């Protein structure tokens, strides 16, 4: 069979191409790995959906793995499609409903639970993957349910302070990032005073709908979004006193330092920093590239934009949400053993090193260790082991989709009390969080 690499195909086009197409192979199951495969005779079509981050950030890794896979399985037709975050889940749901899903799918680490609970992901054998005994716990948790593993950690992410060192130097006399929140707020006050002539300047650009940041402050005060109780059900806990403390602290920071539109979310925050309208933002390390790009920021800031651990209240670092992606094998795949093989290659030690060399956090603590002392990655790498995560509950996806937390934050910033808004959010969470549909 002639090999084809269909990278860049839209999901819609891919589904049309595959409709009615046979996908037979010499078989095996996801849990069985590749031991039952005969590399020379394995055949069929393997469909892989990756997010477009891979296409833009590490295309050489994708090419490396595809070539490795082609060399080992010359009769398998590999079809790769890049997805966007805004459209992927809708397309995946449609493909699953039509019994024509991809064999391998990348999922953001808040997404697997829905597909685990509705039976769309096949369990996989952890032992066939490199470094599985050193995988980052927070990522493993996103793939695990009832002592089974349903996806494989791909890469990790953590939010950090990203700041303009030159602005800090000019306003405070030091380019070093403050180690405590009290010192940071004193520095931010000086930044605000120094740049008061710049319209819309935010010493700290902290968007109002930025629920990842808000929940970091909730975690810092010992609160949580929801908890699993003795009755075997989840319930919202944003009304708890500690959670309310965190919400109030976040909102106070937004009101004091964000001089932009509080209704605007965090998606454009790196451009605000890159265009000189902020001294500090709280974001992912990869957002630095946006701040330095010619169209969205300013390349001249290359020596000024730095990363640092974000200090939180009570003299401790601000707890961070552990971000990242996982790779799953769909339960309806006819090529589960081949799917496991491709994921095994894509998450191998060699492959993870490609990510580490690009300052992207790998899926395991062994290869993460050198990044904990590298200036470009130290803040994020050191935050990962103790990071927090969203509730691993059946209905979490619906809570995100219906913007429960975003609505709560918007209501508070419009004048609703923290207590009232949190109570309303808890009621909505209770309606959604235990329902896997």
Protein backbone atom coordinates (compact mmCIF):
# COMPACT_ATOMS: atom_id res chain seq x y z
CA UNK A 1 0.00 0.00 0.00
CA UNK A 2 1.32 3.42 -0.90
CA UNK A 3 2.05 5.48 2.22
CA UNK A 4 0.31 8.81 2.71
CA UNK A 5 0.91 11.51 5.31
CA UNK A 6 -2.18 13.69 5.34
CA UNK A 7 -0.93 16.26 7.84
CA UNK A 8 -2.96 19.43 7.92
CA UNK A 9 -6.18 17.90 6.65
CA UNK A 10 -9.25 19.36 8.28
CA UNK A 11 -11.22 16.99 10.47
CA UNK A 12 -14.26 17.35 8.21
CA UNK A 13 -12.25 16.45 5.14
CA UNK A 14 -10.62 13.61 6.99
CA UNK A 15 -13.96 12.14 8.02
CA UNK A 16 -15.20 12.38 4.45
CA UNK A 17 -12.07 10.64 3.22
CA UNK A 18 -12.40 7.85 5.73
CA UNK A 19 -16.13 7.26 5.35
CA UNK A 20 -16.65 3.72 4.14
CA UNK A 21 -12.92 3.06 4.13
CA UNK A 22 -11.82 -0.24 5.58
CA UNK A 23 -9.50 -0.01 8.57
CA UNK A 24 -8.54 -3.60 9.11
CA UNK A 25 -5.23 -4.52 10.74
CA UNK A 26 -3.51 -7.50 12.23
CA UNK A 27 -5.03 -6.36 15.49
CA UNK A 28 -4.38 -6.53 19.18
CA UNK A 29 -5.97 -4.35 21.85
CA UNK A 30 -4.92 -1.13 23.50
CA UNK A 31 -4.08 -2.97 26.67
CA UNK A 32 -2.14 -5.60 24.78
CA UNK A 33 0.26 -3.14 23.20
CA UNK A 34 2.20 -4.16 20.10
CA UNK A 35 3.32 -7.61 21.19
CA UNK A 36 0.75 -9.24 18.91
CA UNK A 37 1.72 -7.21 15.85
CA UNK A 38 3.80 -8.49 12.96
CA UNK A 39 5.50 -5.27 11.77
CA UNK A 40 6.04 -6.53 8.22
CA UNK A 41 2.44 -7.63 7.72
CA UNK A 42 0.46 -5.20 9.87
CA UNK A 43 -1.77 -3.17 7.57
CA UNK A 44 -4.70 -0.82 7.50
CA UNK A 45 -5.17 2.85 8.27
CA UNK A 46 -4.12 4.58 11.48
CA UNK A 47 -5.78 7.95 12.06
CA UNK A 48 -4.12 10.39 14.48
CA UNK A 49 -5.58 13.68 15.69
CA UNK A 50 -3.09 16.10 17.20
CA UNK A 51 -3.68 19.67 18.26
CA UNK A 52 -2.22 22.37 16.04
CA UNK A 53 0.29 23.22 18.81
CA UNK A 54 2.37 20.29 17.56
CA UNK A 55 2.28 21.61 14.02
CA UNK A 56 3.55 25.04 15.03
CA UNK A 57 5.82 24.22 17.97
CA UNK A 58 7.48 20.85 17.31
CA UNK A 59 6.81 19.72 13.72
CA UNK A 60 10.18 17.96 13.64
CA UNK A 61 9.04 15.67 16.47
CA UNK A 62 5.91 14.71 14.54
CA UNK A 63 7.95 14.03 11.42
CA UNK A 64 10.53 12.03 13.40
CA UNK A 65 7.89 9.77 14.91
CA UNK A 66 5.96 9.34 11.69
CA UNK A 67 9.13 8.28 9.92
CA UNK A 68 9.98 5.87 12.73
CA UNK A 69 6.49 4.41 12.56
CA UNK A 70 6.63 4.12 8.75
CA UNK A 71 9.93 2.30 8.89
CA UNK A 72 8.58 -0.27 11.35
CA UNK A 73 5.10 -0.64 9.84
CA UNK A 74 5.57 -0.06 6.08
CA UNK A 75 2.11 -1.37 5.12
CA UNK A 76 0.16 0.85 7.53
CA UNK A 77 -1.37 4.00 6.08
CA UNK A 78 -0.88 6.79 8.64
CA UNK A 79 -3.27 9.74 8.41
CA UNK A 80 -2.50 12.73 10.61
CA UNK A 81 -4.92 15.61 11.14
CA UNK A 82 -4.27 18.79 13.14
CA UNK A 83 -7.15 20.10 15.23
CA UNK A 84 -7.94 23.42 16.87
CA UNK A 85 -8.96 23.70 20.51
CA UNK A 86 -12.19 25.49 19.70
CA UNK A 87 -13.45 22.83 17.28
CA UNK A 88 -11.85 19.54 18.32
CA UNK A 89 -14.38 18.30 20.88
CA UNK A 90 -17.36 18.93 18.62
CA UNK A 91 -15.68 17.06 15.80
CA UNK A 92 -14.65 14.23 18.09
CA UNK A 93 -18.18 13.84 19.45
CA UNK A 94 -19.52 13.74 15.90
CA UNK A 95 -16.94 11.16 14.82
CA UNK A 96 -17.73 8.99 17.83
CA UNK A 97 -21.45 9.22 17.13
CA UNK A 98 -20.83 8.12 13.53
CA UNK A 99 -18.66 5.19 14.70
CA UNK A 100 -15.78 6.69 12.74
CA UNK A 101 -13.42 8.13 15.38
CA UNK A 102 -9.69 8.66 15.08
CA UNK A 103 -7.53 5.87 16.47
CA UNK A 104 -5.36 8.29 18.45
CA UNK A 105 -6.64 11.58 19.82
CA UNK A 106 -4.92 14.32 21.79
CA UNK A 107 -6.97 15.61 24.71
CA UNK A 108 -6.32 18.60 26.91
CA UNK A 109 -5.92 17.27 30.42
CA UNK A 110 -9.34 18.51 31.59
CA UNK A 111 -11.04 16.57 28.77
CA UNK A 112 -10.38 12.81 29.27
CA UNK A 113 -12.80 12.16 32.13
CA UNK A 114 -15.89 12.68 29.98
CA UNK A 115 -14.61 10.19 27.41
CA UNK A 116 -13.46 7.72 30.03
CA UNK A 117 -16.89 7.68 31.68
CA UNK A 118 -18.86 7.40 28.43
CA UNK A 119 -16.70 4.51 27.27
CA UNK A 120 -15.00 6.29 24.37
CA UNK A 121 -11.42 5.62 25.48
CA UNK A 122 -9.79 2.20 25.68
CA UNK A 123 -7.69 1.27 28.71
CA UNK A 124 -3.96 1.07 28.04
CA UNK A 125 -1.10 -0.80 29.68
CA UNK A 126 1.12 1.70 31.48
CA UNK A 127 4.16 -0.59 31.45
CA UNK A 128 4.73 -0.41 27.68
CA UNK A 129 5.57 3.32 27.77
CA UNK A 130 8.92 4.91 28.57
CA UNK A 131 9.34 6.58 31.98
CA UNK A 132 5.87 5.53 33.12
CA UNK A 133 7.16 4.97 36.65
CA UNK A 134 8.25 8.63 36.72
CA UNK A 135 5.25 10.23 35.03
CA UNK A 136 4.07 13.48 36.62
CA UNK A 137 1.33 12.48 39.04
CA UNK A 138 -0.98 15.33 38.12
CA UNK A 139 -1.02 14.16 34.50
CA UNK A 140 -1.50 10.50 35.40
CA UNK A 141 -4.51 11.46 37.51
CA UNK A 142 -6.21 13.03 34.49
CA UNK A 143 -6.01 9.69 32.68
CA UNK A 144 -6.95 7.38 35.53
CA UNK A 145 -10.25 5.95 36.72
CA UNK A 146 -10.92 3.00 39.05
CA UNK A 147 -7.29 1.86 38.94
CA UNK A 148 -7.14 1.78 35.14
CA UNK A 149 -5.22 4.05 32.78
CA UNK A 150 -7.15 5.41 29.79
CA UNK A 151 -4.66 7.81 28.23
CA UNK A 152 -0.96 8.59 28.22
CA UNK A 153 0.62 11.84 29.51
CA UNK A 154 2.06 13.85 26.62
CA UNK A 155 3.42 17.11 28.09
CA UNK A 156 2.85 19.33 31.11
CA UNK A 157 2.32 23.02 31.64
CA UNK A 158 2.23 25.41 34.58
CA UNK A 159 1.48 29.09 34.88
CA UNK A 160 4.15 31.50 36.10
CA UNK A 161 4.78 35.20 36.46
CA UNK A 162 5.90 36.74 33.15
CA UNK A 163 7.24 40.25 33.60
CA UNK A 164 9.04 43.12 31.93
CA UNK A 165 12.31 43.34 33.86
CA UNK A 166 13.18 46.71 32.36
CA UNK A 167 9.95 48.22 33.67
CA UNK A 168 10.62 46.77 37.11
CA UNK A 169 14.15 48.18 37.04
CA UNK A 170 12.95 51.64 36.08
CA UNK A 171 10.15 51.70 38.65
CA UNK A 172 11.74 49.96 41.62
CA UNK A 173 15.49 50.10 41.05
CA UNK A 174 15.72 46.33 40.65
CA UNK A 175 15.05 43.97 37.74
CA UNK A 176 14.68 41.03 40.12
CA UNK A 177 11.20 39.69 40.65
CA UNK A 178 9.90 40.02 44.23
CA UNK A 179 9.85 36.80 46.24
CA UNK A 180 6.80 37.57 48.41
CA UNK A 181 3.36 38.89 47.55
CA UNK A 182 3.73 41.87 49.86
CA UNK A 183 6.93 42.88 48.08
CA UNK A 184 5.31 42.24 44.73
CA UNK A 185 2.37 44.50 45.50
CA UNK A 186 4.74 47.24 46.64
CA UNK A 187 6.58 46.90 43.34
CA UNK A 188 3.31 46.92 41.37
CA UNK A 189 2.29 50.14 43.10
CA UNK A 190 5.56 51.72 41.93
CA UNK A 191 5.02 50.38 38.41
CA UNK A 192 1.55 51.90 38.31
CA UNK A 193 2.87 55.28 39.46
CA UNK A 194 5.80 55.22 37.03
CA UNK A 195 3.57 54.43 34.03
CA UNK A 196 0.50 56.47 34.93
CA UNK A 197 0.97 58.45 31.72
CA UNK A 198 0.42 55.34 29.57
CA UNK A 199 -3.28 54.99 28.81
CA UNK A 200 -4.73 51.70 30.03
CA UNK A 201 -1.47 50.59 31.62
CA UNK A 202 -1.88 47.67 34.04
CA UNK A 203 0.93 47.02 36.49
CA UNK A 204 -0.51 43.50 36.76
CA UNK A 205 -2.70 42.48 33.85
CA UNK A 206 -5.07 40.02 35.51
CA UNK A 207 -8.23 39.45 33.42
CA UNK A 208 -11.53 39.22 35.26
CA UNK A 209 -12.80 35.98 33.60
CA UNK A 210 -9.42 34.24 34.18
CA UNK A 211 -10.75 31.38 36.27
CA UNK A 212 -7.49 29.41 36.22
CA UNK A 213 -5.85 32.30 38.06
CA UNK A 214 -8.82 32.81 40.37
CA UNK A 215 -8.83 29.16 41.39
CA UNK A 216 -5.09 29.35 42.08
CA UNK A 217 -5.87 31.96 44.73
CA UNK A 218 -8.70 29.78 46.02
CA UNK A 219 -6.19 26.93 46.37
CA UNK A 220 -3.68 29.27 48.03
CA UNK A 221 -6.12 29.95 50.85
CA UNK A 222 -6.94 26.26 51.26
CA UNK A 223 -10.20 26.34 49.34
CA UNK A 224 -11.42 24.26 46.42
CA UNK A 225 -13.92 24.20 43.59
CA UNK A 226 -15.63 21.00 44.70
CA UNK A 227 -15.13 17.97 46.92
CA UNK A 228 -16.15 14.31 46.87
CA UNK A 229 -18.18 13.55 49.99
CA UNK A 230 -18.94 10.42 52.00
CA UNK A 231 -22.21 9.87 50.13
CA UNK A 232 -20.23 9.18 46.98
CA UNK A 233 -21.13 12.44 45.25
CA UNK A 234 -19.36 15.66 44.36
CA UNK A 235 -20.59 19.03 45.59
CA UNK A 236 -19.47 22.62 45.04
CA UNK A 237 -17.35 24.23 47.75
CA UNK A 238 -16.79 27.75 46.47
CA UNK A 239 -19.02 29.03 49.29
CA UNK A 240 -16.65 27.67 51.91
CA UNK A 241 -14.92 30.48 53.84
CA UNK A 242 -11.44 29.61 52.56
CA UNK A 243 -12.65 29.53 48.96
CA UNK A 244 -14.34 32.89 49.41
CA UNK A 245 -11.09 34.32 50.78
CA UNK A 246 -9.31 33.28 47.61
CA UNK A 247 -12.03 34.67 45.37
CA UNK A 248 -12.00 37.99 47.19
CA UNK A 249 -8.22 38.21 46.97
CA UNK A 250 -8.29 37.57 43.23
CA UNK A 251 -11.00 40.13 42.62
CA UNK A 252 -9.18 42.72 44.73
CA UNK A 253 -6.08 42.28 42.57
CA UNK A 254 -8.08 42.63 39.36
CA UNK A 255 -9.79 45.78 40.58
CA UNK A 256 -6.60 47.40 41.81
CA UNK A 257 -4.18 46.63 38.99
CA UNK A 258 -6.05 45.76 35.78
CA UNK A 259 -6.86 49.04 34.05
CA UNK A 260 -8.28 47.36 30.97
CA UNK A 261 -11.74 45.93 30.39
CA UNK A 262 -12.44 43.46 33.19
CA UNK A 263 -14.74 41.47 30.91
CA UNK A 264 -11.92 40.54 28.52
CA UNK A 265 -10.46 37.07 29.06
CA UNK A 266 -6.81 36.06 29.20
CA UNK A 267 -6.39 34.90 25.59
CA UNK A 268 -4.78 38.17 24.52
CA UNK A 269 -2.83 38.93 27.68
CA UNK A 270 0.60 38.24 26.15
CA UNK A 271 0.01 40.93 23.55
CA UNK A 272 -0.87 43.41 26.29
CA UNK A 273 2.50 42.67 27.92
CA UNK A 274 4.37 42.68 24.61
CA UNK A 275 2.95 46.03 23.58
CA UNK A 276 4.13 47.71 26.76
CA UNK A 277 0.73 48.08 28.43
CA UNK A 278 1.51 45.81 31.38
CA UNK A 279 4.43 45.10 33.67
CA UNK A 280 3.35 41.59 34.72
CA UNK A 281 0.99 38.83 33.67
CA UNK A 282 0.29 35.35 35.03
CA UNK A 283 0.44 32.82 32.24
CA UNK A 284 2.02 29.88 30.49
CA UNK A 285 5.68 30.10 29.58
CA UNK A 286 4.89 29.58 25.90
CA UNK A 287 3.02 32.91 25.90
CA UNK A 288 6.40 34.65 25.93
CA UNK A 289 6.66 33.89 22.21
CA UNK A 290 3.45 35.86 21.60
CA UNK A 291 4.76 38.80 23.61
CA UNK A 292 7.91 38.86 21.47
CA UNK A 293 6.37 38.24 18.05
CA UNK A 294 6.39 41.17 15.57
CA UNK A 295 2.62 41.36 15.05
CA UNK A 296 1.38 40.53 18.55
CA UNK A 297 4.19 42.04 20.61
CA UNK A 298 7.68 43.47 20.32
CA UNK A 299 10.83 41.46 19.44
CA UNK A 300 12.93 44.21 21.06
CA UNK A 301 11.73 42.99 24.47
CA UNK A 302 13.69 39.76 24.12
CA UNK A 303 16.12 40.71 26.89
CA UNK A 304 13.42 42.26 29.09
CA UNK A 305 10.72 39.60 29.30
CA UNK A 306 11.48 37.12 32.07
CA UNK A 307 9.79 34.29 33.95
CA UNK A 308 9.49 33.90 37.70
CA UNK A 309 7.57 31.92 40.27
CA UNK A 310 4.43 33.84 41.15
CA UNK A 311 4.26 34.57 44.89
CA UNK A 312 0.97 33.91 46.61
CA UNK A 313 -0.48 34.91 49.96
CA UNK A 314 0.89 33.65 53.27
CA UNK A 315 4.49 33.74 52.11
CA UNK A 316 4.16 30.76 49.76
CA UNK A 317 4.32 30.44 45.96
CA UNK A 318 0.96 30.70 44.25
CA UNK A 319 -0.32 27.17 43.55
CA UNK A 320 -0.60 26.60 39.81
CA UNK A 321 -3.02 24.65 37.69
CA UNK A 322 -1.23 21.76 36.00
CA UNK A 323 -1.91 22.08 32.32
CA UNK A 324 -0.89 19.88 29.47
CA UNK A 325 -2.15 17.22 27.11
CA UNK A 326 -2.75 13.47 27.01
CA UNK A 327 -3.02 10.95 24.18
CA UNK A 328 -5.81 8.40 24.10
CA UNK A 329 -6.81 5.37 22.05
CA UNK A 330 -10.48 5.39 21.13
CA UNK A 331 -12.47 2.35 22.24
CA UNK A 332 -14.01 1.92 18.77
CA UNK A 333 -10.65 1.94 17.03
CA UNK A 334 -10.00 -1.17 14.95
CA UNK A 335 -6.29 -0.46 15.24
CA UNK A 336 -5.73 -0.24 18.98
CA UNK A 337 -2.40 -2.05 19.02
CA UNK A 338 -1.04 0.20 16.27
CA UNK A 339 -2.42 3.24 18.08
CA UNK A 340 -0.53 2.22 21.22
CA UNK A 341 2.62 1.80 19.13
CA UNK A 342 2.36 5.31 17.69
CA UNK A 343 1.74 6.82 21.14
CA UNK A 344 4.64 4.80 22.55
CA UNK A 345 6.97 6.30 19.95
CA UNK A 346 5.54 9.80 20.36
CA UNK A 347 6.06 9.74 24.14
CA UNK A 348 9.37 7.88 24.20
CA UNK A 349 12.40 9.22 26.06
CA UNK A 350 13.81 10.43 22.76
CA UNK A 351 10.59 12.21 21.83
CA UNK A 352 10.17 13.81 25.25
CA UNK A 353 13.68 15.17 24.99
CA UNK A 354 12.69 17.06 21.85
CA UNK A 355 10.01 18.80 23.93
CA UNK A 356 12.42 19.46 26.81
CA UNK A 357 14.95 20.98 24.42
CA UNK A 358 12.22 23.39 23.33
CA UNK A 359 11.55 24.37 26.96
CA UNK A 360 8.27 22.44 27.01
CA UNK A 361 7.76 20.42 30.16
CA UNK A 362 8.00 16.66 29.49
CA UNK A 363 5.62 14.09 30.92
CA UNK A 364 8.03 12.68 33.50
CA UNK A 365 10.03 13.86 36.50
CA UNK A 366 13.30 12.35 35.25
CA UNK A 367 13.49 14.54 32.16
CA UNK A 368 11.86 17.43 34.00
CA UNK A 369 14.69 17.58 36.55
CA UNK A 370 17.24 19.50 34.41
CA UNK A 371 14.58 22.09 33.55
CA UNK A 372 14.12 22.96 37.22
CA UNK A 373 17.42 24.85 37.18
CA UNK A 374 17.26 26.27 33.65
CA UNK A 375 16.30 29.98 33.75
CA UNK A 376 13.74 29.72 30.96
CA UNK A 377 11.89 26.82 32.56
CA UNK A 378 12.71 26.80 36.28
CA UNK A 379 9.57 28.62 37.45
CA UNK A 380 7.18 26.31 35.60
CA UNK A 381 9.17 23.12 36.19
CA UNK A 382 9.34 23.72 39.93
CA UNK A 383 5.62 24.45 40.09
CA UNK A 384 4.51 21.20 38.44
CA UNK A 385 5.01 18.63 41.23
CA UNK A 386 2.70 20.51 43.64
CA UNK A 387 0.20 21.84 41.12
CA UNK A 388 -3.58 21.65 41.58
CA UNK A 389 -6.12 20.27 39.15
CA UNK A 390 -9.83 20.54 38.46
CA UNK A 391 -12.16 17.98 40.10
CA UNK A 392 -11.93 14.56 38.43
CA UNK A 393 -15.69 14.40 38.36
CA UNK A 394 -18.11 13.11 35.69
CA UNK A 395 -19.67 16.48 34.95
CA UNK A 396 -16.63 18.72 35.05
CA UNK A 397 -16.67 19.17 31.28
CA UNK A 398 -20.20 20.59 31.44
CA UNK A 399 -19.14 23.04 34.15
CA UNK A 400 -16.40 24.36 31.90
CA UNK A 401 -18.61 24.37 28.81
CA UNK A 402 -21.33 26.33 30.58
CA UNK A 403 -18.80 28.86 31.96
CA UNK A 404 -19.96 28.47 35.54
CA UNK A 405 -16.75 29.90 37.01
CA UNK A 406 -16.47 32.66 34.40
CA UNK A 407 -20.05 33.74 35.11
CA UNK A 408 -19.38 33.80 38.85
CA UNK A 409 -16.31 36.00 38.43
CA UNK A 410 -18.15 38.34 36.08
CA UNK A 411 -21.00 38.70 38.55
CA UNK A 412 -18.60 39.56 41.39
CA UNK A 413 -16.82 42.19 39.30
CA UNK A 414 -20.20 43.70 38.40
CA UNK A 415 -21.06 44.10 42.09
CA UNK A 416 -22.55 40.84 43.35
CA UNK A 417 -21.04 39.87 46.68
CA UNK A 418 -18.51 37.04 46.73
CA UNK A 419 -20.75 35.07 49.08
CA UNK A 420 -23.83 35.36 46.86
CA UNK A 421 -22.00 34.65 43.60
CA UNK A 422 -20.18 31.66 45.12
CA UNK A 423 -23.46 30.28 46.46
CA UNK A 424 -25.04 30.52 43.01
CA UNK A 425 -21.99 28.88 41.42
CA UNK A 426 -22.12 26.02 43.93
CA UNK A 427 -25.78 25.42 43.13
CA UNK A 428 -24.97 25.21 39.42
CA UNK A 429 -21.99 22.96 40.09
CA UNK A 430 -24.16 20.63 42.15
CA UNK A 431 -26.56 20.33 39.21
CA UNK A 432 -23.83 19.40 36.74
CA UNK A 433 -20.86 17.80 38.42
CA UNK A 434 -22.20 14.29 39.02
CA UNK A 435 -23.82 13.90 35.59
CA UNK A 436 -21.54 12.25 32.98
CA UNK A 437 -23.82 13.07 30.03
